[in-house]
Amino acid sequence: MIAFRLWDTPGLGDGKQKDKEHAKKLVDLLYKDYQMENKTHGFIDLVLVII
């Protein structure tokens, strides 16, 4: 099974402190993984920030 996950992150650009909070959440998700069909996959493979 091929899966593609797209996640919008509203809130980036709402100020320096909020951007730091959002960045921390993104970094946490980059280290998260999941199991599917007895294989370990990364929860996020790529982060793209469009401003």
Foldseek 3Di string as FASTA:
>chain_A
DDDDDDDDDPDQPVDDVSNVVSVVVVVVQQPDWDDDPNDIDRSDDDDDDDD
